[in-house]
Amino acid sequence: MDFTLDPAAAAVDEAADEVVRRLEPDWESRFDGSGFDDAAWKAFVDAGFPAMPLPEAVGGDDLDVDSLRPLVTRAGRDAVVTPLLGTLAAGLTVREDFGAVAVAIGEPGSALGDPQATTVTGGSAGDVVTGVKIGVLHADAAQRLLVTTDAGVAVVAADADGVTITRTTSSSGWGECTVRFDGARADRVLDAPVERLVDVYRALLAAYASGLLTGAIARTAEHVSTRNQFGKPIAAFQAVGQQLADVYVVSATLDLVAVAAAWELAQGRDATVDLGTALYTVASELPATMRTMTHLHGGVGVDVTYPLHRYFSLAKDLARLVGGSDRTLGVLACS
């Protein structure tokens, strides 16, 4: 398999790296207010990243999910928290500029990829949406919600009657919400297949998680190479090397399936198995791998002022967001 980036993806990778390198993260931030890093999001918007999946006719670059994967992965490498995932998923699926948008897919008792229980019913007042969505990133900062239902993808105004948005607790502090739709009127129900939005969103989550793990490994490798005990770097100890090897295997696995899933979606192929594998890996292996790296850091690894603390917190949030190990395994088994 050729992992060389095509020209479009390579250009995106270069642009993302340039922007992320200039960011000045506050590692102690709990993202009070908007629920994300406002300065980072402004830098992303100024660089034109949210418009990249949109058609050229509306000012976009008409890029597919495989070309945008390097952008999401690079954001993950530095644990950047922004509304990028939902914005790109909306653009890639619907190919319209919705402004501040959040994607509402997850439901109580299910994993991403399970059938949808939220319903759309028609009436004299138009289509109305009923159901509960959980793990909706940055819903409280959005103007529009793209809601997956049993009858398609519904566009609902965030301030519409019947919509209740509640910010929920998260490990990292990012803006994660539960959204209740109690007969909320939809602006419209799109022709875009529900499965397409779910798959694209899962692919972007997998790419972000892959980048997050890569970034944590880089910081851990630097630490164990410069932290000396008994007159030599702790990386020279066999037990440390074995743990780092285990971490690398998980990282290589997640990166492989994330790359494969994005490519398959871009080529119009079935990515169900790779997406299922990726999200199961995120749920079952990512938190355990972060625990290993926290252990290798010693006490500094749990210091809230140290970057690894955010990586571990985001890993726990992602594992819960995708549905947990048991439910994601169920989705994989049905692939």
C-alpha atoms as a PDB file:
ATOM      1  CA  MET A   1       0.000   0.000   0.000  1.00  0.00           C
ATOM      2  CA  ASP A   2       1.404   3.411  -1.013  1.00  0.00           C
ATOM      3  CA  PHE A   3       1.154   5.891   1.875  1.00  0.00           C
ATOM      4  CA  THR A   4       2.577   8.813  -0.102  1.00  0.00           C
ATOM      5  CA  LEU A   5       0.314  11.843   0.144  1.00  0.00           C
ATOM      6  CA  ASP A   6      -1.141  13.090  -3.118  1.00  0.00           C
ATOM      7  CA  PRO A   7      -0.383  16.740  -4.031  1.00  0.00           C
ATOM      8  CA  ALA A   8      -3.604  18.083  -2.486  1.00  0.00           C
ATOM      9  CA  ALA A   9      -3.118  16.209   0.788  1.00  0.00           C
ATOM     10  CA  ALA A  10       0.557  17.216   0.910  1.00  0.00           C
ATOM     11  CA  ALA A  11      -0.390  20.880   0.497  1.00  0.00           C
ATOM     12  CA  VAL A  12      -2.992  20.564   3.268  1.00  0.00           C
ATOM     13  CA  ASP A  13      -0.431  18.862   5.512  1.00  0.00           C
ATOM     14  CA  GLU A  14       2.076  21.675   4.956  1.00  0.00           C
ATOM     15  CA  ALA A  15      -0.504  24.393   5.598  1.00  0.00           C
ATOM     16  CA  ALA A  16      -1.776  22.667   8.751  1.00  0.00           C
ATOM     17  CA  ASP A  17       1.732  22.231  10.114  1.00  0.00           C
ATOM     18  CA  GLU A  18       2.536  25.885   9.532  1.00  0.00           C
ATOM     19  CA  VAL A  19      -0.589  27.090  11.354  1.00  0.00           C
ATOM     20  CA  VAL A  20      -0.396  24.643  14.274  1.00  0.00           C
ATOM     21  CA  ARG A  21       3.276  25.416  14.897  1.00  0.00           C
ATOM     22  CA  ARG A  22       2.381  29.068  15.482  1.00  0.00           C
ATOM     23  CA  LEU A  23      -0.247  28.312  18.127  1.00  0.00           C
ATOM     24  CA  GLU A  24       0.465  29.059  21.768  1.00  0.00           C
ATOM     25  CA  PRO A  25      -1.614  26.536  23.732  1.00  0.00           C
ATOM     26  CA  ASP A  26      -2.662  27.086  27.313  1.00  0.00           C
ATOM     27  CA  TRP A  27      -2.265  23.577  28.736  1.00  0.00           C
ATOM     28  CA  GLU A  28      -4.163  24.473  31.910  1.00  0.00           C
ATOM     29  CA  SER A  29      -7.252  25.696  30.054  1.00  0.00           C
ATOM     30  CA  ARG A  30     -10.548  23.881  30.636  1.00  0.00           C
ATOM     31  CA  PHE A  31     -12.118  25.666  27.654  1.00  0.00           C
ATOM     32  CA  ASP A  32     -14.605  27.620  29.747  1.00  0.00           C
ATOM     33  CA  GLY A  33     -17.034  29.610  27.645  1.00  0.00           C
ATOM     34  CA  SER A  34     -16.966  28.440  24.038  1.00  0.00           C
ATOM     35  CA  GLY A  35     -15.741  24.925  24.879  1.00  0.00           C
ATOM     36  CA  PHE A  36     -12.714  25.101  22.611  1.00  0.00           C
ATOM     37  CA  ASP A  37      -9.496  27.022  21.956  1.00  0.00           C
ATOM     38  CA  ASP A  38     -10.802  30.290  20.481  1.00  0.00           C
ATOM     39  CA  ALA A  39      -7.380  31.471  19.275  1.00  0.00           C
ATOM     40  CA  ALA A  40      -6.705  28.163  17.526  1.00  0.00           C
ATOM     41  CA  TRP A  41     -10.113  28.176  15.840  1.00  0.00           C
ATOM     42  CA  LYS A  42      -9.605  31.737  14.640  1.00  0.00           C
ATOM     43  CA  ALA A  43      -6.255  30.709  13.164  1.00  0.00           C
ATOM     44  CA  PHE A  44      -7.911  27.747  11.416  1.00  0.00           C
ATOM     45  CA  VAL A  45     -10.702  29.936  10.028  1.00  0.00           C
ATOM     46  CA  ASP A  46      -8.248  32.612   8.875  1.00  0.00           C
ATOM     47  CA  ALA A  47      -6.279  29.888   7.071  1.00  0.00           C
ATOM     48  CA  GLY A  48      -9.435  28.767   5.273  1.00  0.00           C
ATOM     49  CA  PHE A  49      -9.523  25.245   6.721  1.00  0.00           C
ATOM     50  CA  PRO A  50     -13.327  25.050   7.309  1.00  0.00           C
ATOM     51  CA  ALA A  51     -13.969  25.927   3.641  1.00  0.00           C
ATOM     52  CA  MET A  52     -11.662  23.268   2.199  1.00  0.00           C
ATOM     53  CA  PRO A  53     -14.352  20.580   1.633  1.00  0.00           C
ATOM     54  CA  LEU A  54     -16.807  23.028   0.052  1.00  0.00           C
ATOM     55  CA  PRO A  55     -17.277  23.352  -3.728  1.00  0.00           C
ATOM     56  CA  GLU A  56     -15.123  25.882  -5.530  1.00  0.00           C
ATOM     57  CA  ALA A  57     -18.300  27.701  -6.595  1.00  0.00           C
ATOM     58  CA  VAL A  58     -18.851  28.840  -2.992  1.00  0.00           C
ATOM     59  CA  GLY A  59     -15.221  29.627  -2.248  1.00  0.00           C
ATOM     60  CA  GLY A  60     -14.046  26.184  -1.181  1.00  0.00           C
ATOM     61  CA  ASP A  61     -11.268  23.897  -2.390  1.00  0.00           C
ATOM     62  CA  ASP A  62     -13.454  20.869  -3.191  1.00  0.00           C
ATOM     63  CA  LEU A  63     -11.237  18.495  -1.195  1.00  0.00           C
ATOM     64  CA  ASP A  64     -12.295  15.002  -0.133  1.00  0.00           C
ATOM     65  CA  VAL A  65     -11.913  13.344   3.263  1.00  0.00           C
ATOM     66  CA  ASP A  66      -8.616  11.668   2.329  1.00  0.00           C
ATOM     67  CA  SER A  67      -7.067  15.009   1.379  1.00  0.00           C
ATOM     68  CA  LEU A  68      -8.287  16.582   4.638  1.00  0.00           C
ATOM     69  CA  ARG A  69      -7.111  13.743   6.871  1.00  0.00           C
ATOM     70  CA  PRO A  70      -3.607  15.290   7.331  1.00  0.00           C
ATOM     71  CA  LEU A  71      -5.222  18.478   8.675  1.00  0.00           C
ATOM     72  CA  VAL A  72      -7.207  16.618  11.325  1.00  0.00           C
ATOM     73  CA  THR A  73      -4.258  14.388  12.215  1.00  0.00           C
ATOM     74  CA  ARG A  74      -1.999  17.422  12.643  1.00  0.00           C
ATOM     75  CA  ALA A  75      -4.524  19.061  14.946  1.00  0.00           C
ATOM     76  CA  GLY A  76      -4.572  15.858  16.995  1.00  0.00           C
ATOM     77  CA  ARG A  77      -0.781  15.745  17.270  1.00  0.00           C
ATOM     78  CA  ASP A  78      -0.838  18.999  19.245  1.00  0.00           C
ATOM     79  CA  ALA A  79      -4.109  18.177  21.042  1.00  0.00           C
ATOM     80  CA  VAL A  80      -5.806  21.220  19.494  1.00  0.00           C
ATOM     81  CA  VAL A  81      -9.459  21.508  20.521  1.00  0.00           C
ATOM     82  CA  THR A  82     -11.691  23.285  17.980  1.00  0.00           C
ATOM     83  CA  PRO A  83     -15.000  22.653  16.143  1.00  0.00           C
ATOM     84  CA  LEU A  84     -12.961  21.364  13.171  1.00  0.00           C
ATOM     85  CA  LEU A  85     -14.300  17.789  13.190  1.00  0.00           C
ATOM     86  CA  GLY A  86     -17.983  18.669  12.966  1.00  0.00           C
ATOM     87  CA  THR A  87     -17.401  21.529  10.537  1.00  0.00           C
ATOM     88  CA  LEU A  88     -15.439  19.354   8.107  1.00  0.00           C
ATOM     89  CA  ALA A  89     -17.917  16.475   8.441  1.00  0.00           C
ATOM     90  CA  ALA A  90     -20.776  18.817   7.545  1.00  0.00           C
ATOM     91  CA  GLY A  91     -18.892  20.288   4.598  1.00  0.00           C
ATOM     92  CA  LEU A  92     -17.819  16.920   3.255  1.00  0.00           C
ATOM     93  CA  THR A  93     -21.305  15.439   3.501  1.00  0.00           C
ATOM     94  CA  VAL A  94     -23.653  18.270   2.633  1.00  0.00           C
ATOM     95  CA  ARG A  95     -21.179  20.546   0.825  1.00  0.00           C
ATOM     96  CA  GLU A  96     -22.808  23.697   2.111  1.00  0.00           C
ATOM     97  CA  ASP A  97     -21.536  26.405   4.426  1.00  0.00           C
ATOM     98  CA  PHE A  98     -23.667  26.230   7.561  1.00  0.00           C
ATOM     99  CA  GLY A  99     -21.547  28.665   9.561  1.00  0.00           C
ATOM    100  CA  ALA A 100     -21.175  27.548  13.162  1.00  0.00           C
ATOM    101  CA  VAL A 101     -22.415  23.955  12.943  1.00  0.00           C
ATOM    102  CA  ALA A 102     -22.405  20.890  15.201  1.00  0.00           C
ATOM    103  CA  VAL A 103     -22.987  17.291  14.150  1.00  0.00           C
ATOM    104  CA  ALA A 104     -25.416  15.343  16.368  1.00  0.00           C
ATOM    105  CA  ILE A 105     -24.987  11.584  15.873  1.00  0.00           C
ATOM    106  CA  GLY A 106     -24.396   9.723  19.154  1.00  0.00           C
ATOM    107  CA  GLU A 107     -27.349   8.407  21.153  1.00  0.00           C
ATOM    108  CA  PRO A 108     -27.741   6.957  24.653  1.00  0.00           C
ATOM    109  CA  GLY A 109     -26.835   3.269  24.900  1.00  0.00           C
ATOM    110  CA  SER A 110     -25.283   3.055  21.450  1.00  0.00           C
ATOM    111  CA  ALA A 111     -21.987   3.534  19.629  1.00  0.00           C
ATOM    112  CA  LEU A 112     -21.254   5.618  16.565  1.00  0.00           C
ATOM    113  CA  GLY A 113     -22.316   3.437  13.667  1.00  0.00           C
ATOM    114  CA  ASP A 114     -25.380   1.921  15.355  1.00  0.00           C
ATOM    115  CA  PRO A 115     -28.864   2.487  13.848  1.00  0.00           C
ATOM    116  CA  GLN A 116     -30.494   5.811  14.664  1.00  0.00           C
ATOM    117  CA  ALA A 117     -33.353   6.050  17.151  1.00  0.00           C
ATOM    118  CA  THR A 118     -34.046   9.765  16.676  1.00  0.00           C
ATOM    119  CA  THR A 119     -37.135  10.233  14.503  1.00  0.00           C
ATOM    120  CA  VAL A 120     -38.505  12.702  11.990  1.00  0.00           C
ATOM    121  CA  THR A 121     -42.249  12.985  11.549  1.00  0.00           C
ATOM    122  CA  GLY A 122     -44.148  15.164   9.105  1.00  0.00           C
ATOM    123  CA  GLY A 123     -47.124  17.361   9.899  1.00  0.00           C
ATOM    124  CA  SER A 124     -48.907  20.531   8.985  1.00  0.00           C
ATOM    125  CA  ALA A 125     -46.113  22.558  10.591  1.00  0.00           C
ATOM    126  CA  GLY A 126     -43.419  20.689   8.683  1.00  0.00           C
ATOM    127  CA  ASP A 127     -40.926  18.033   9.707  1.00  0.00           C
ATOM    128  CA  VAL A 128     -40.242  17.738  13.421  1.00  0.00           C
ATOM    129  CA  VAL A 129     -37.394  15.936  15.179  1.00  0.00           C
ATOM    130  CA  THR A 130     -37.764  13.918  18.371  1.00  0.00           C
ATOM    131  CA  GLY A 131     -34.964  12.181  20.250  1.00  0.00           C
ATOM    132  CA  VAL A 132     -31.850  12.606  22.366  1.00  0.00           C
ATOM    133  CA  LYS A 133     -28.285  13.034  21.129  1.00  0.00           C
ATOM    134  CA  ILE A 134     -25.226  12.722  23.354  1.00  0.00           C
ATOM    135  CA  GLY A 135     -21.578  13.650  22.914  1.00  0.00           C
ATOM    136  CA  VAL A 136     -22.417  16.494  20.546  1.00  0.00           C
ATOM    137  CA  LEU A 137     -19.232  18.522  20.331  1.00  0.00           C
ATOM    138  CA  HIS A 138     -19.617  22.307  20.620  1.00  0.00           C
ATOM    139  CA  ALA A 139     -23.396  22.269  20.219  1.00  0.00           C
ATOM    140  CA  ASP A 140     -23.708  25.170  22.645  1.00  0.00           C
ATOM    141  CA  ALA A 141     -21.577  27.329  20.317  1.00  0.00           C
ATOM    142  CA  ALA A 142     -23.388  26.333  17.111  1.00  0.00           C
ATOM    143  CA  GLN A 143     -26.055  28.083  15.085  1.00  0.00           C
ATOM    144  CA  ARG A 144     -27.168  24.971  13.201  1.00  0.00           C
ATOM    145  CA  LEU A 145     -27.281  21.290  14.125  1.00  0.00           C
ATOM    146  CA  LEU A 146     -26.982  18.463  11.603  1.00  0.00           C
ATOM    147  CA  VAL A 147     -29.008  15.672  13.185  1.00  0.00           C
ATOM    148  CA  THR A 148     -28.931  12.057  12.033  1.00  0.00           C
ATOM    149  CA  THR A 149     -32.387  10.472  12.187  1.00  0.00           C
ATOM    150  CA  ASP A 150     -34.295   7.445  10.942  1.00  0.00           C
ATOM    151  CA  ALA A 151     -35.419   9.437   7.902  1.00  0.00           C
ATOM    152  CA  GLY A 152     -32.298  11.354   6.906  1.00  0.00           C
ATOM    153  CA  VAL A 153     -30.090  14.205   8.055  1.00  0.00           C
ATOM    154  CA  ALA A 154     -32.148  17.024   9.516  1.00  0.00           C
ATOM    155  CA  VAL A 155     -30.999  20.635   9.763  1.00  0.00           C
ATOM    156  CA  VAL A 156     -32.259  22.181  12.991  1.00  0.00           C
ATOM    157  CA  ALA A 157     -31.581  25.652  14.354  1.00  0.00           C
ATOM    158  CA  ALA A 158     -29.783  25.435  17.689  1.00  0.00           C
ATOM    159  CA  ASP A 159     -32.195  27.959  19.197  1.00  0.00           C
ATOM    160  CA  ALA A 160     -35.364  26.384  17.773  1.00  0.00           C
ATOM    161  CA  ASP A 161     -38.319  25.650  20.038  1.00  0.00           C
ATOM    162  CA  GLY A 162     -38.080  22.131  21.401  1.00  0.00           C
ATOM    163  CA  VAL A 163     -34.268  22.061  21.393  1.00  0.00           C
ATOM    164  CA  THR A 164     -32.539  21.814  24.767  1.00  0.00           C
ATOM    165  CA  ILE A 165     -28.735  21.898  24.841  1.00  0.00           C
ATOM    166  CA  THR A 166     -26.998  20.887  28.066  1.00  0.00           C
ATOM    167  CA  ARG A 167     -23.239  21.089  28.520  1.00  0.00           C
ATOM    168  CA  THR A 168     -22.019  17.826  30.068  1.00  0.00           C
ATOM    169  CA  THR A 169     -18.940  16.961  32.075  1.00  0.00           C
ATOM    170  CA  SER A 170     -15.857  15.835  30.179  1.00  0.00           C
ATOM    171  CA  SER A 171     -12.345  14.891  31.186  1.00  0.00           C
ATOM    172  CA  SER A 172     -10.664  17.562  29.062  1.00  0.00           C
ATOM    173  CA  GLY A 173     -13.290  20.256  29.513  1.00  0.00           C
ATOM    174  CA  TRP A 174     -14.050  20.486  25.788  1.00  0.00           C
ATOM    175  CA  GLY A 175     -17.576  21.528  24.847  1.00  0.00           C
ATOM    176  CA  GLU A 176     -19.482  18.260  24.872  1.00  0.00           C
ATOM    177  CA  CYS A 177     -23.267  18.431  25.051  1.00  0.00           C
ATOM    178  CA  THR A 178     -26.454  16.432  25.337  1.00  0.00           C
ATOM    179  CA  VAL A 179     -29.115  17.741  22.974  1.00  0.00           C
ATOM    180  CA  ARG A 180     -32.792  16.900  23.453  1.00  0.00           C
ATOM    181  CA  PHE A 181     -35.215  17.360  20.557  1.00  0.00           C
ATOM    182  CA  ASP A 182     -38.804  17.480  21.725  1.00  0.00           C
ATOM    183  CA  GLY A 183     -40.773  17.958  18.528  1.00  0.00           C
ATOM    184  CA  ALA A 184     -38.273  20.528  17.255  1.00  0.00           C
ATOM    185  CA  ARG A 185     -39.053  21.798  13.779  1.00  0.00           C
ATOM    186  CA  ALA A 186     -36.424  21.009  11.171  1.00  0.00           C
ATOM    187  CA  ASP A 187     -35.501  23.681   8.652  1.00  0.00           C
ATOM    188  CA  ARG A 188     -35.250  20.824   6.159  1.00  0.00           C
ATOM    189  CA  VAL A 189     -34.352  17.153   5.840  1.00  0.00           C
ATOM    190  CA  LEU A 190     -31.430  16.667   3.465  1.00  0.00           C
ATOM    191  CA  ASP A 191     -30.996  14.125   0.726  1.00  0.00           C
ATOM    192  CA  ALA A 192     -27.537  13.277   2.086  1.00  0.00           C
ATOM    193  CA  PRO A 193     -27.488   9.676   3.389  1.00  0.00           C
ATOM    194  CA  VAL A 194     -27.241   9.317   7.156  1.00  0.00           C
ATOM    195  CA  GLU A 195     -24.594   6.628   6.721  1.00  0.00           C
ATOM    196  CA  ARG A 196     -22.361   9.002   4.787  1.00  0.00           C
ATOM    197  CA  LEU A 197     -22.342  11.628   7.542  1.00  0.00           C
ATOM    198  CA  VAL A 198     -21.747   8.977  10.219  1.00  0.00           C
ATOM    199  CA  ASP A 199     -18.887   7.382   8.280  1.00  0.00           C
ATOM    200  CA  VAL A 200     -17.161  10.669   7.468  1.00  0.00           C
ATOM    201  CA  TYR A 201     -17.436  11.787  11.094  1.00  0.00           C
ATOM    202  CA  ARG A 202     -16.033   8.460  12.300  1.00  0.00           C
ATOM    203  CA  ALA A 203     -13.144   8.759   9.833  1.00  0.00           C
ATOM    204  CA  LEU A 204     -12.303  12.242  11.088  1.00  0.00           C
ATOM    205  CA  LEU A 205     -12.471  11.095  14.722  1.00  0.00           C
ATOM    206  CA  ALA A 206     -10.108   8.219  13.905  1.00  0.00           C
ATOM    207  CA  ALA A 207      -7.644  10.584  12.196  1.00  0.00           C
ATOM    208  CA  TYR A 208      -7.733  12.979  15.147  1.00  0.00           C
ATOM    209  CA  ALA A 209      -7.193  10.132  17.615  1.00  0.00           C
ATOM    210  CA  SER A 210      -4.302   8.828  15.532  1.00  0.00           C
ATOM    211  CA  GLY A 211      -2.663  12.243  15.601  1.00  0.00           C
ATOM    212  CA  LEU A 212      -3.294  12.554  19.329  1.00  0.00           C
ATOM    213  CA  LEU A 213      -1.496   9.273  19.976  1.00  0.00           C
ATOM    214  CA  THR A 214       1.392  10.213  17.685  1.00  0.00           C
ATOM    215  CA  GLY A 215       1.848  13.504  19.514  1.00  0.00           C
ATOM    216  CA  ALA A 216       1.797  11.843  22.922  1.00  0.00           C
ATOM    217  CA  ILE A 217       4.389   9.296  21.776  1.00  0.00           C
ATOM    218  CA  ALA A 218       6.694  12.077  20.557  1.00  0.00           C
ATOM    219  CA  ARG A 219       6.523  13.807  23.939  1.00  0.00           C
ATOM    220  CA  THR A 220       7.076  10.525  25.767  1.00  0.00           C
ATOM    221  CA  ALA A 221      10.047   9.588  23.599  1.00  0.00           C
ATOM    222  CA  GLU A 222      11.644  12.950  24.311  1.00  0.00           C
ATOM    223  CA  HIS A 223      11.052  12.551  28.051  1.00  0.00           C
ATOM    224  CA  VAL A 224      12.495   9.040  28.406  1.00  0.00           C
ATOM    225  CA  SER A 225      15.475  10.024  26.265  1.00  0.00           C
ATOM    226  CA  THR A 226      16.401  12.951  28.502  1.00  0.00           C
ATOM    227  CA  ARG A 227      15.312  11.668  31.940  1.00  0.00           C
ATOM    228  CA  ASN A 228      18.311   9.977  33.548  1.00  0.00           C
ATOM    229  CA  GLN A 229      18.338   7.378  36.302  1.00  0.00           C
ATOM    230  CA  PHE A 230      21.336   5.393  37.487  1.00  0.00           C
ATOM    231  CA  GLY A 231      23.516   7.375  35.128  1.00  0.00           C
ATOM    232  CA  LYS A 232      21.669   6.723  31.868  1.00  0.00           C
ATOM    233  CA  PRO A 233      18.414   7.665  30.106  1.00  0.00           C
ATOM    234  CA  ILE A 234      15.472   5.574  31.242  1.00  0.00           C
ATOM    235  CA  ALA A 235      14.814   4.767  27.568  1.00  0.00           C
ATOM    236  CA  ALA A 236      17.822   2.437  27.801  1.00  0.00           C
ATOM    237  CA  PHE A 237      16.061   0.178  30.312  1.00  0.00           C
ATOM    238  CA  GLN A 238      14.543  -2.954  28.801  1.00  0.00           C
ATOM    239  CA  ALA A 239      11.194  -2.596  30.581  1.00  0.00           C
ATOM    240  CA  VAL A 240      10.765   0.939  29.256  1.00  0.00           C
ATOM    241  CA  GLY A 241      11.667  -0.142  25.739  1.00  0.00           C
ATOM    242  CA  GLN A 242       9.125  -2.950  25.849  1.00  0.00           C
ATOM    243  CA  GLN A 243       6.355  -0.584  26.920  1.00  0.00           C
ATOM    244  CA  LEU A 244       7.274   1.892  24.194  1.00  0.00           C
ATOM    245  CA  ALA A 245       7.173  -0.937  21.650  1.00  0.00           C
ATOM    246  CA  ASP A 246       3.640  -1.841  22.750  1.00  0.00           C
ATOM    247  CA  VAL A 247       2.615   1.806  22.435  1.00  0.00           C
ATOM    248  CA  TYR A 248       4.074   1.973  18.933  1.00  0.00           C
ATOM    249  CA  VAL A 249       2.114  -1.093  17.810  1.00  0.00           C
ATOM    250  CA  VAL A 250      -1.176   0.512  18.864  1.00  0.00           C
ATOM    251  CA  SER A 251      -0.214   3.772  17.159  1.00  0.00           C
ATOM    252  CA  ALA A 252       0.741   2.033  13.915  1.00  0.00           C
ATOM    253  CA  THR A 253      -2.507   0.044  13.946  1.00  0.00           C
ATOM    254  CA  LEU A 254      -4.697   3.089  14.501  1.00  0.00           C
ATOM    255  CA  ASP A 255      -2.850   5.101  11.871  1.00  0.00           C
ATOM    256  CA  LEU A 256      -3.195   2.302   9.325  1.00  0.00           C
ATOM    257  CA  VAL A 257      -6.945   1.887   9.704  1.00  0.00           C
ATOM    258  CA  ALA A 258      -7.502   5.658   9.844  1.00  0.00           C
ATOM    259  CA  VAL A 259      -5.599   6.105   6.573  1.00  0.00           C
ATOM    260  CA  ALA A 260      -7.384   3.166   4.956  1.00  0.00           C
ATOM    261  CA  ALA A 261     -10.853   4.332   6.005  1.00  0.00           C
ATOM    262  CA  ALA A 262     -10.340   7.876   4.711  1.00  0.00           C
ATOM    263  CA  TRP A 263      -9.005   6.579   1.389  1.00  0.00           C
ATOM    264  CA  GLU A 264     -11.875   4.119   0.995  1.00  0.00           C
ATOM    265  CA  LEU A 265     -14.470   6.819   1.643  1.00  0.00           C
ATOM    266  CA  ALA A 266     -12.799   9.141  -0.849  1.00  0.00           C
ATOM    267  CA  GLN A 267     -12.825   6.370  -3.460  1.00  0.00           C
ATOM    268  CA  GLY A 268     -16.476   5.537  -2.858  1.00  0.00           C
ATOM    269  CA  ARG A 269     -15.608   2.144  -1.368  1.00  0.00           C
ATOM    270  CA  ASP A 270     -17.053   0.404   1.675  1.00  0.00           C
ATOM    271  CA  ALA A 271     -15.068   1.531   4.735  1.00  0.00           C
ATOM    272  CA  THR A 272     -17.267  -0.191   7.313  1.00  0.00           C
ATOM    273  CA  VAL A 273     -14.693  -2.694   8.587  1.00  0.00           C
ATOM    274  CA  ASP A 274     -11.828  -0.201   8.838  1.00  0.00           C
ATOM    275  CA  LEU A 275     -14.037   2.375  10.543  1.00  0.00           C
ATOM    276  CA  GLY A 276     -15.267  -0.237  13.006  1.00  0.00           C
ATOM    277  CA  THR A 277     -11.702  -1.344  13.715  1.00  0.00           C
ATOM    278  CA  ALA A 278     -10.533   2.237  14.159  1.00  0.00           C
ATOM    279  CA  LEU A 279     -13.234   3.190  16.656  1.00  0.00           C
ATOM    280  CA  TYR A 280     -12.843  -0.040  18.604  1.00  0.00           C
ATOM    281  CA  THR A 281      -9.112   0.705  18.849  1.00  0.00           C
ATOM    282  CA  VAL A 282      -9.873   4.229  20.043  1.00  0.00           C
ATOM    283  CA  ALA A 283     -12.245   2.925  22.712  1.00  0.00           C
ATOM    284  CA  SER A 284     -10.271  -0.100  23.907  1.00  0.00           C
ATOM    285  CA  GLU A 285      -6.597   0.730  23.345  1.00  0.00           C
ATOM    286  CA  LEU A 286      -6.170   4.497  23.301  1.00  0.00           C
ATOM    287  CA  PRO A 287      -6.818   5.178  27.028  1.00  0.00           C
ATOM    288  CA  ALA A 288      -4.656   2.214  28.101  1.00  0.00           C
ATOM    289  CA  THR A 289      -1.835   3.415  25.867  1.00  0.00           C
ATOM    290  CA  MET A 290      -2.065   6.901  27.354  1.00  0.00           C
ATOM    291  CA  ARG A 291      -1.916   5.390  30.845  1.00  0.00           C
ATOM    292  CA  THR A 292       1.331   3.650  29.907  1.00  0.00           C
ATOM    293  CA  MET A 293       2.855   6.902  28.710  1.00  0.00           C
ATOM    294  CA  THR A 294       1.677   8.727  31.819  1.00  0.00           C
ATOM    295  CA  HIS A 295       3.409   6.053  33.896  1.00  0.00           C
ATOM    296  CA  LEU A 296       6.625   6.496  31.892  1.00  0.00           C
ATOM    297  CA  HIS A 297       6.542  10.216  32.668  1.00  0.00           C
ATOM    298  CA  GLY A 298       6.332   9.635  36.400  1.00  0.00           C
ATOM    299  CA  GLY A 299       4.705  12.340  38.526  1.00  0.00           C
ATOM    300  CA  VAL A 300       4.970  15.033  35.857  1.00  0.00           C
ATOM    301  CA  GLY A 301       2.561  13.051  33.692  1.00  0.00           C
ATOM    302  CA  VAL A 302      -0.393  13.879  35.941  1.00  0.00           C
ATOM    303  CA  ASP A 303       0.505  17.561  36.343  1.00  0.00           C
ATOM    304  CA  VAL A 304      -2.331  19.642  34.827  1.00  0.00           C
ATOM    305  CA  THR A 305       0.232  22.173  33.590  1.00  0.00           C
ATOM    306  CA  TYR A 306       2.056  19.500  31.575  1.00  0.00           C
ATOM    307  CA  PRO A 307       0.837  18.770  27.993  1.00  0.00           C
ATOM    308  CA  LEU A 308       0.434  15.004  28.453  1.00  0.00           C
ATOM    309  CA  HIS A 309      -2.414  15.613  30.892  1.00  0.00           C
ATOM    310  CA  ARG A 310      -4.537  17.036  28.042  1.00  0.00           C
ATOM    311  CA  TYR A 311      -3.629  14.180  25.706  1.00  0.00           C
ATOM    312  CA  PHE A 312      -4.783  11.642  28.296  1.00  0.00           C
ATOM    313  CA  SER A 313      -7.951  13.626  29.038  1.00  0.00           C
ATOM    314  CA  LEU A 314      -8.863  13.859  25.358  1.00  0.00           C
ATOM    315  CA  ALA A 315      -8.192  10.136  24.912  1.00  0.00           C
ATOM    316  CA  LYS A 316     -10.706   9.337  27.664  1.00  0.00           C
ATOM    317  CA  ASP A 317     -13.244  11.698  26.109  1.00  0.00           C
ATOM    318  CA  LEU A 318     -12.801  10.129  22.669  1.00  0.00           C
ATOM    319  CA  ALA A 319     -13.195   6.595  24.048  1.00  0.00           C
ATOM    320  CA  ARG A 320     -16.514   7.563  25.603  1.00  0.00           C
ATOM    321  CA  LEU A 321     -17.603   9.639  22.585  1.00  0.00           C
ATOM    322  CA  VAL A 322     -17.312   6.730  20.145  1.00  0.00           C
ATOM    323  CA  GLY A 323     -19.380   4.496  22.434  1.00  0.00           C
ATOM    324  CA  GLY A 324     -16.956   2.557  24.632  1.00  0.00           C
ATOM    325  CA  SER A 325     -15.157  -0.699  23.934  1.00  0.00           C
ATOM    326  CA  ASP A 326     -18.115  -3.091  24.275  1.00  0.00           C
ATOM    327  CA  ARG A 327     -20.471  -1.201  21.996  1.00  0.00           C
ATOM    328  CA  THR A 328     -17.832  -0.364  19.385  1.00  0.00           C
ATOM    329  CA  LEU A 329     -16.917  -4.039  19.320  1.00  0.00           C
ATOM    330  CA  GLY A 330     -20.579  -4.776  18.597  1.00  0.00           C
ATOM    331  CA  VAL A 331     -20.534  -2.350  15.672  1.00  0.00           C
ATOM    332  CA  LEU A 332     -17.349  -3.981  14.342  1.00  0.00           C
ATOM    333  CA  ALA A 333     -18.871  -7.453  14.683  1.00  0.00           C
ATOM    334  CA  CYS A 334     -21.835  -6.373  12.536  1.00  0.00           C
ATOM    335  CA  SER A 335     -19.610  -4.807   9.849  1.00  0.00           C
END
